[in-house]
Amino acid sequence: MVPGVGFDARGGRTGHGKGYYDKLLENAKPETPFVALAFECQMFDEIPMQGHDIFMDKVVTEKRVYEGIGRNGIGRQATA
């Protein structure tokens, strides 16, 4: 589970701007899924991402599951 302040449907996330979780996630095993729990009010059209930022595999809200790009770069649609 990966915390965040805001997310988008691609699995983009923003935290508190220090990059701590991105650094931590870089060292995760390749098979480890990156999943974030959020409320729908934390979802934005697009979170600006930089080269070091890591996309989530899934963002789960009270309304739907967003299938993110993940670190493999394969995007999918949100499911209700």
Protein backbone atom coordinates (compact mmCIF):
# COMPACT_ATOMS: atom_id res chain seq x y z
CA MET A 1 0.00 0.00 0.00
CA VAL A 2 1.38 3.36 -1.04
CA PRO A 3 0.12 6.59 0.55
CA GLY A 4 -0.47 9.80 -1.32
CA VAL A 5 -2.25 13.14 -1.24
CA GLY A 6 -3.64 12.95 -4.79
CA PHE A 7 -3.84 10.48 -7.67
CA ASP A 8 -4.94 10.26 -11.29
CA ALA A 9 -6.45 7.46 -13.39
CA ARG A 10 -3.01 6.59 -14.83
CA GLY A 11 -1.75 5.77 -11.36
CA GLY A 12 0.12 9.04 -11.00
CA ARG A 13 0.52 10.12 -7.39
CA THR A 14 1.65 13.09 -5.42
CA GLY A 15 2.75 13.03 -1.82
CA HIS A 16 4.32 15.79 0.19
CA GLY A 17 6.94 16.63 -2.45
CA LYS A 18 10.09 15.13 -0.95
CA GLY A 19 10.26 11.96 -3.09
CA TYR A 20 10.69 9.62 -0.10
CA TYR A 21 8.26 6.97 -1.33
CA ASP A 22 9.58 7.12 -4.90
CA LYS A 23 13.06 6.35 -3.54
CA LEU A 24 11.67 3.53 -1.40
CA LEU A 25 9.68 2.04 -4.29
CA GLU A 26 12.74 1.97 -6.56
CA ASN A 27 14.13 -0.80 -4.34
CA ALA A 28 10.97 -2.94 -4.28
CA LYS A 29 11.03 -6.37 -5.90
CA PRO A 30 9.81 -6.26 -9.53
CA GLU A 31 6.79 -8.46 -8.74
CA THR A 32 5.59 -6.19 -5.91
CA PRO A 33 2.34 -4.45 -6.91
CA PHE A 34 2.02 -0.76 -6.06
CA VAL A 35 -1.52 -0.16 -4.80
CA ALA A 36 -2.91 3.04 -3.32
CA LEU A 37 -6.12 3.47 -1.31
CA ALA A 38 -7.83 6.82 -1.82
CA PHE A 39 -11.14 8.61 -1.72
CA GLU A 40 -12.66 9.70 -5.02
CA CYS A 41 -12.17 13.34 -3.92
CA GLN A 42 -8.39 12.68 -4.07
CA MET A 43 -8.58 11.86 -7.79
CA PHE A 44 -7.46 14.52 -10.28
CA ASP A 45 -7.52 14.72 -14.08
CA GLU A 46 -3.74 14.57 -14.22
CA ILE A 47 -0.95 14.59 -11.66
CA PRO A 48 2.24 16.13 -13.11
CA MET A 49 4.89 13.42 -13.10
CA GLN A 50 8.66 13.68 -13.44
CA GLY A 51 11.17 11.08 -14.60
CA HIS A 52 11.85 9.76 -11.09
CA ASP A 53 8.15 9.48 -10.15
CA ILE A 54 6.64 5.99 -10.06
CA PHE A 55 3.11 5.20 -11.26
CA MET A 56 0.82 2.96 -9.21
CA ASP A 57 -0.44 -0.35 -10.58
CA LYS A 58 -3.86 0.31 -9.02
CA VAL A 59 -5.64 3.11 -7.21
CA VAL A 60 -8.65 1.85 -5.25
CA THR A 61 -11.38 4.31 -4.23
CA GLU A 62 -14.84 3.87 -2.73
CA LYS A 63 -16.30 4.05 -6.27
CA ARG A 64 -13.92 2.18 -8.55
CA VAL A 65 -10.57 0.56 -9.14
CA TYR A 66 -8.24 2.48 -11.45
CA GLU A 67 -5.81 0.24 -13.33
CA GLY A 68 -2.71 2.41 -13.45
CA ILE A 69 0.26 2.44 -15.78
CA GLY A 70 2.50 0.91 -13.12
CA ARG A 71 6.23 0.73 -13.47
CA ASN A 72 5.88 -1.32 -16.67
CA GLY A 73 4.20 1.56 -18.49
CA ILE A 74 1.10 -0.39 -19.55
CA GLY A 75 -2.03 1.71 -19.04
CA ARG A 76 -5.56 0.32 -18.75
CA GLN A 77 -9.05 1.70 -18.18
CA ALA A 78 -10.74 2.24 -14.82
CA THR A 79 -13.24 -0.42 -13.77
CA ALA A 80 -16.44 0.32 -11.87
